[in-house]
């Protein structure tokens, strides 16, 4: 007696698991239909390009981000930059840093490298940990699920900023601060990903294609790798894209509190921390890193929302209920 076991049909319009390059093109077509997503992608691409070419641009402008220029600040006024708008000139396109005279353009470029590196690295860590913990909680039995769920609740409740400040008294001074920030943010912010993966896995493990794999003699690890992980790709990519701006804000907050990278290495959060004493005398020194951080976080948020809707068009349809417009897959 033969039993035919087939995969459950995916929801209409949704990207089926394991669809490959065709599904990727379909998602890209949906993203292209949103001008806001294309604008956000263009902003992020430009920012990443500027960050990657920071050494080249620094060489072309003839400015070193760590070079002091005492002649460009007014020592009689406490170090306020000479000239208008923070000392903007043909040599210093965005002005100079108060007190030191260091070029702001090159420091913002190098600060973007740190902010993006920490944010993307932290999201990679928390995604890997969250997926592993979520799968273990869903597939490890009732006791393991409760234990892991309790651990997840504790990790979510822990105050990351307070622990980060406490770590500065324990971590050796020569420990790489970008790596410390990646580990701190990544290892303390995986709870949401783990909960989502656990819920999705519990919903998937009762479907026909998982039962078929189990009846074929596949073990738990093989089923998780070959059947569940491809089906979890869409929600995991979505939550990772949404968490990037959160990680950037966390890096800026930690750097603002003194936990981040140490001078002379620049970061946007560190610049905001030192700018708090200059916001009256030199507003540009505050507005430039704050504005870049705002634009970057907004672009990641818009693009993450577009990815979420493209991977699950039903989400966009629900948002348009009552408008009289039908979603187009």
Protein backbone atom coordinates (compact mmCIF):
# COMPACT_ATOMS: atom_id res chain seq x y z
CA UNK A 1 0.00 0.00 0.00
CA UNK A 2 1.56 3.28 -1.09
CA UNK A 3 0.94 6.54 0.67
CA UNK A 4 1.40 9.74 -1.34
CA UNK A 5 2.71 12.54 0.81
CA UNK A 6 3.05 15.95 -0.75
CA UNK A 7 4.15 19.35 0.44
CA UNK A 8 1.36 21.59 1.57
CA UNK A 9 0.57 24.26 -0.98
CA UNK A 10 2.00 27.68 -0.13
CA UNK A 11 -0.28 30.61 0.47
CA UNK A 12 -1.33 32.48 -2.67
CA UNK A 13 1.30 35.02 -3.65
CA UNK A 14 3.79 33.93 -1.01
CA UNK A 15 7.29 32.88 -1.97
CA UNK A 16 7.42 29.07 -1.68
CA UNK A 17 10.35 27.52 0.19
CA UNK A 18 13.19 26.38 -1.98
CA UNK A 19 11.93 28.19 -5.08
CA UNK A 20 15.46 29.33 -5.87
CA UNK A 21 16.43 32.04 -8.33
CA UNK A 22 12.89 32.38 -9.71
CA UNK A 23 11.57 33.33 -6.27
CA UNK A 24 14.42 35.81 -5.85
CA UNK A 25 13.49 37.54 -9.11
CA UNK A 26 9.86 37.63 -8.06
CA UNK A 27 10.76 39.29 -4.76
CA UNK A 28 12.97 41.82 -6.56
CA UNK A 29 10.13 42.70 -8.94
CA UNK A 30 7.84 43.38 -5.99
CA UNK A 31 10.44 45.58 -4.31
CA UNK A 32 10.98 47.55 -7.52
CA UNK A 33 7.31 48.53 -7.52
CA UNK A 34 7.85 50.56 -4.36
CA UNK A 35 9.67 53.84 -5.05
CA UNK A 36 10.36 54.33 -1.36
CA UNK A 37 12.18 50.99 -1.23
CA UNK A 38 14.30 51.88 -4.27
CA UNK A 39 15.17 55.25 -2.73
CA UNK A 40 16.13 53.57 0.55
CA UNK A 41 18.25 51.00 -1.28
CA UNK A 42 20.00 53.77 -3.23
CA UNK A 43 20.76 55.69 -0.02
CA UNK A 44 22.16 52.58 1.65
CA UNK A 45 24.20 51.63 -1.42
CA UNK A 46 25.71 55.13 -1.52
CA UNK A 47 26.47 55.01 2.21
CA UNK A 48 28.14 51.60 1.96
CA UNK A 49 30.16 52.77 -1.07
CA UNK A 50 31.36 55.86 0.80
CA UNK A 51 32.26 53.78 3.85
CA UNK A 52 34.20 51.24 1.80
CA UNK A 53 36.09 53.93 -0.09
CA UNK A 54 36.80 56.05 3.00
CA UNK A 55 40.61 55.58 2.76
CA UNK A 56 40.58 56.52 -0.93
CA UNK A 57 38.38 59.57 -0.38
CA UNK A 58 40.54 60.62 2.55
CA UNK A 59 43.61 60.41 0.32
CA UNK A 60 41.91 62.35 -2.49
CA UNK A 61 40.85 65.16 -0.16
CA UNK A 62 44.27 65.24 1.47
CA UNK A 63 42.76 64.97 4.96
CA UNK A 64 43.64 62.51 7.72
CA UNK A 65 40.74 61.79 10.12
CA UNK A 66 43.15 61.79 13.05
CA UNK A 67 45.17 64.90 12.14
CA UNK A 68 44.78 67.89 14.47
CA UNK A 69 44.55 71.43 13.06
CA UNK A 70 44.95 73.88 15.92
CA UNK A 71 45.02 76.80 13.49
CA UNK A 72 41.41 76.11 12.44
CA UNK A 73 39.87 76.58 15.90
CA UNK A 74 39.59 79.64 18.07
CA UNK A 75 41.44 78.84 21.30
CA UNK A 76 40.20 82.08 22.86
CA UNK A 77 36.60 80.80 22.58
CA UNK A 78 37.35 77.31 23.86
CA UNK A 79 38.07 75.67 20.52
CA UNK A 80 35.11 76.79 18.38
CA UNK A 81 35.90 76.32 14.66
CA UNK A 82 36.89 79.45 12.78
CA UNK A 83 34.64 80.50 9.93
CA UNK A 84 30.99 79.90 9.15
CA UNK A 85 29.02 76.68 9.58
CA UNK A 86 31.64 74.89 11.62
CA UNK A 87 34.62 75.90 9.50
CA UNK A 88 33.43 74.76 6.07
CA UNK A 89 36.02 75.50 3.40
CA UNK A 90 37.43 74.17 0.13
CA UNK A 91 39.74 71.87 2.13
CA UNK A 92 37.19 70.85 4.77
CA UNK A 93 33.89 70.18 3.00
CA UNK A 94 31.82 69.69 6.16
CA UNK A 95 33.88 71.77 8.53
CA UNK A 96 36.15 70.68 11.36
CA UNK A 97 35.71 69.17 14.78
CA UNK A 98 35.53 71.67 17.66
CA UNK A 99 38.53 71.67 19.96
CA UNK A 100 40.74 69.57 17.69
CA UNK A 101 40.22 70.88 14.15
CA UNK A 102 40.02 67.35 12.72
CA UNK A 103 38.26 67.08 9.36
CA UNK A 104 34.58 66.16 9.85
CA UNK A 105 34.01 64.71 6.37
CA UNK A 106 36.65 62.01 6.72
CA UNK A 107 35.69 61.29 10.33
CA UNK A 108 32.06 60.77 9.32
CA UNK A 109 33.17 58.38 6.57
CA UNK A 110 35.29 56.32 8.95
CA UNK A 111 32.51 56.50 11.54
CA UNK A 112 30.14 54.95 8.99
CA UNK A 113 32.50 51.99 8.65
CA UNK A 114 32.33 51.30 12.38
CA UNK A 115 28.56 51.82 12.66
CA UNK A 116 27.75 49.56 9.69
CA UNK A 117 30.29 46.91 10.69
CA UNK A 118 28.92 46.69 14.23
CA UNK A 119 25.27 46.70 13.14
CA UNK A 120 25.64 44.05 10.42
CA UNK A 121 27.94 41.89 12.57
CA UNK A 122 25.58 42.06 15.54
CA UNK A 123 22.58 41.14 13.38
CA UNK A 124 24.51 38.17 11.96
CA UNK A 125 25.33 36.95 15.49
CA UNK A 126 21.83 37.40 16.88
CA UNK A 127 20.27 35.76 13.81
CA UNK A 128 22.52 32.71 14.10
CA UNK A 129 21.88 32.39 17.83
CA UNK A 130 18.15 33.09 17.51
CA UNK A 131 17.63 30.52 14.75
CA UNK A 132 19.57 27.86 16.65
CA UNK A 133 17.78 28.50 19.95
CA UNK A 134 14.35 28.71 18.29
CA UNK A 135 14.83 25.40 16.47
CA UNK A 136 16.09 23.73 19.64
CA UNK A 137 13.10 25.00 21.62
CA UNK A 138 10.61 23.72 19.02
CA UNK A 139 12.25 20.35 18.33
CA UNK A 140 13.82 19.50 21.68
CA UNK A 141 10.80 18.26 23.59
CA UNK A 142 8.56 19.82 26.21
CA UNK A 143 11.16 20.16 28.98
CA UNK A 144 13.80 21.59 26.65
CA UNK A 145 11.23 23.98 25.20
CA UNK A 146 10.27 25.30 28.62
CA UNK A 147 13.89 25.67 29.73
CA UNK A 148 14.93 27.45 26.55
CA UNK A 149 11.81 29.63 26.68
CA UNK A 150 12.65 30.69 30.23
CA UNK A 151 16.24 31.46 29.21
CA UNK A 152 14.96 33.53 26.30
CA UNK A 153 12.67 35.53 28.59
CA UNK A 154 15.58 36.24 30.94
CA UNK A 155 17.81 37.39 28.08
CA UNK A 156 15.11 39.71 26.77
CA UNK A 157 14.64 41.23 30.23
CA UNK A 158 18.35 41.90 30.84
CA UNK A 159 19.30 45.59 30.43
CA UNK A 160 21.92 45.56 27.68
CA UNK A 161 23.07 49.15 28.28
CA UNK A 162 23.70 48.58 31.98
CA UNK A 163 25.59 45.35 31.32
CA UNK A 164 27.60 47.09 28.60
CA UNK A 165 28.69 49.80 31.04
CA UNK A 166 29.63 47.16 33.61
CA UNK A 167 31.72 45.29 31.05
CA UNK A 168 34.01 48.28 30.60
CA UNK A 169 35.43 47.56 34.07
CA UNK A 170 36.05 43.89 33.25
CA UNK A 171 37.06 43.74 29.57
CA UNK A 172 40.79 44.41 28.97
CA UNK A 173 41.48 47.84 27.46
CA UNK A 174 43.21 46.29 24.42
CA UNK A 175 40.18 44.14 23.51
CA UNK A 176 38.83 45.28 20.09
CA UNK A 177 35.87 47.51 20.83
CA UNK A 178 34.01 46.83 17.56
CA UNK A 179 34.13 43.11 18.36
CA UNK A 180 32.94 43.82 21.91
CA UNK A 181 29.97 45.78 20.56
CA UNK A 182 29.10 43.05 18.05
CA UNK A 183 29.12 40.37 20.74
CA UNK A 184 27.28 42.53 23.26
CA UNK A 185 24.45 43.51 20.92
CA UNK A 186 24.30 40.15 19.18
CA UNK A 187 24.27 38.00 22.31
CA UNK A 188 21.70 40.12 24.16
CA UNK A 189 19.18 40.74 21.38
CA UNK A 190 18.39 37.33 19.91
CA UNK A 191 15.24 36.69 21.95
CA UNK A 192 12.80 38.08 19.38
CA UNK A 193 14.33 36.00 16.59
CA UNK A 194 14.26 32.86 18.74
CA UNK A 195 10.58 33.33 19.59
CA UNK A 196 9.66 33.86 15.95
CA UNK A 197 11.64 30.82 14.77
CA UNK A 198 10.11 28.65 17.50
CA UNK A 199 6.56 29.68 16.56
CA UNK A 200 7.19 29.14 12.84
CA UNK A 201 8.85 25.77 13.45
CA UNK A 202 5.95 24.56 15.59
CA UNK A 203 3.60 25.48 12.74
CA UNK A 204 5.76 23.81 10.08
CA UNK A 205 6.63 20.54 11.80
CA UNK A 206 3.08 19.22 11.46
CA UNK A 207 2.89 19.76 7.70
CA UNK A 208 2.98 16.94 5.19
CA UNK A 209 6.48 17.52 3.81
CA UNK A 210 7.99 17.30 7.31
CA UNK A 211 6.05 14.11 8.01
CA UNK A 212 7.26 12.70 4.71
CA UNK A 213 10.87 13.44 5.62
CA UNK A 214 10.38 11.84 9.03
CA UNK A 215 8.80 8.69 7.55
CA UNK A 216 11.71 8.46 5.12
CA UNK A 217 14.04 7.88 8.08
CA UNK A 218 15.59 11.35 8.35
CA UNK A 219 16.74 12.45 11.78
CA UNK A 220 15.85 15.67 13.55
CA UNK A 221 18.98 17.52 12.49
CA UNK A 222 18.59 16.53 8.85
CA UNK A 223 14.93 17.56 8.83
CA UNK A 224 15.84 20.89 10.39
CA UNK A 225 18.59 21.51 7.83
CA UNK A 226 16.87 20.20 4.69
CA UNK A 227 13.20 20.96 5.32
CA UNK A 228 12.69 23.56 8.04
CA UNK A 229 15.52 26.04 7.43
CA UNK A 230 14.55 26.72 3.77
CA UNK A 231 10.97 27.35 4.89
CA UNK A 232 12.20 29.71 7.62
CA UNK A 233 14.37 31.76 5.26
CA UNK A 234 11.72 34.39 4.45
CA UNK A 235 10.74 35.32 8.03
CA UNK A 236 14.37 35.17 9.20
CA UNK A 237 15.52 37.51 6.41
CA UNK A 238 12.64 39.85 7.24
CA UNK A 239 13.38 40.11 10.95
CA UNK A 240 17.13 40.46 10.26
CA UNK A 241 16.47 43.40 7.92
CA UNK A 242 14.27 45.05 10.53
CA UNK A 243 16.84 44.54 13.30
CA UNK A 244 19.70 46.29 11.46
CA UNK A 245 18.47 49.81 12.35
CA UNK A 246 17.87 48.68 15.93
CA UNK A 247 21.47 47.48 16.12
CA UNK A 248 22.72 50.80 14.72
CA UNK A 249 20.82 52.72 17.39
CA UNK A 250 22.17 50.35 20.06
CA UNK A 251 25.75 50.90 18.84
CA UNK A 252 25.24 54.67 18.89
CA UNK A 253 23.77 54.48 22.41
CA UNK A 254 26.62 52.34 23.73
CA UNK A 255 29.23 54.58 22.09
CA UNK A 256 27.43 57.63 23.50
CA UNK A 257 27.77 56.09 26.98
CA UNK A 258 31.47 55.40 26.47
CA UNK A 259 31.24 51.65 25.88
CA UNK A 260 32.00 51.85 22.16
CA UNK A 261 35.17 52.47 20.21
CA UNK A 262 37.80 54.67 21.79
CA UNK A 263 39.36 57.78 20.25
CA UNK A 264 40.93 58.45 17.86
CA UNK A 265 38.82 55.81 16.03
CA UNK A 266 35.61 57.64 15.09
CA UNK A 267 32.01 56.41 15.22
CA UNK A 268 28.76 58.30 14.93
CA UNK A 269 27.75 57.50 18.50
CA UNK A 270 31.11 58.62 19.84
CA UNK A 271 30.86 61.87 17.88
CA UNK A 272 27.40 62.50 19.32
CA UNK A 273 28.78 61.86 22.80
CA UNK A 274 31.51 64.48 22.41
CA UNK A 275 29.15 66.88 20.61
CA UNK A 276 26.85 67.30 23.61
CA UNK A 277 29.11 70.06 24.97
CA UNK A 278 29.24 71.89 21.63
CA UNK A 279 25.63 71.94 20.45
CA UNK A 280 25.24 75.66 21.22
CA UNK A 281 28.59 76.86 19.89
CA UNK A 282 28.69 74.55 16.84
CA UNK A 283 25.28 73.00 15.97
CA UNK A 284 26.67 71.42 12.78
CA UNK A 285 28.86 69.09 14.84
CA UNK A 286 25.70 67.63 16.39
CA UNK A 287 23.45 67.72 13.33
CA UNK A 288 25.82 65.95 10.92
CA UNK A 289 26.27 62.60 12.75
CA UNK A 290 22.72 62.71 14.10
CA UNK A 291 21.32 63.39 10.62
CA UNK A 292 23.35 60.59 9.04
CA UNK A 293 22.26 58.15 11.74
CA UNK A 294 18.62 59.16 11.26
CA UNK A 295 18.74 58.80 7.47
CA UNK A 296 20.51 55.43 7.68
CA UNK A 297 18.09 54.01 10.24
CA UNK A 298 15.11 55.29 8.23
CA UNK A 299 16.48 53.76 5.01
CA UNK A 300 17.04 50.37 6.67
CA UNK A 301 13.54 50.51 8.17
CA UNK A 302 11.87 51.32 4.84
CA UNK A 303 13.85 48.65 3.01
CA UNK A 304 13.15 46.07 5.72
CA UNK A 305 9.42 46.77 5.47
CA UNK A 306 9.60 46.40 1.69
CA UNK A 307 11.39 43.05 2.02
CA UNK A 308 8.77 41.86 4.50
CA UNK A 309 5.92 42.78 2.15
CA UNK A 310 7.68 41.30 -0.89
CA UNK A 311 8.25 37.97 0.84
CA UNK A 312 4.64 37.86 2.05
CA UNK A 313 2.34 39.90 -0.23
CA UNK A 314 -0.63 39.06 2.00
CA UNK A 315 0.86 41.49 4.51
CA UNK A 316 0.60 44.33 2.03
CA UNK A 317 -2.96 43.30 1.19
CA UNK A 318 -3.95 43.48 4.84
CA UNK A 319 -2.48 46.97 5.09
CA UNK A 320 -4.67 48.10 2.19
CA UNK A 321 -7.95 46.67 3.46
CA UNK A 322 -10.69 49.18 2.91
CA UNK A 323 -8.87 51.25 0.31
CA UNK A 324 -10.54 49.56 -2.64
CA UNK A 325 -7.13 48.58 -4.07
CA UNK A 326 -6.13 45.00 -4.66
CA UNK A 327 -2.56 43.87 -4.10
CA UNK A 328 -0.67 42.80 -7.16
CA UNK A 329 1.61 39.84 -6.70
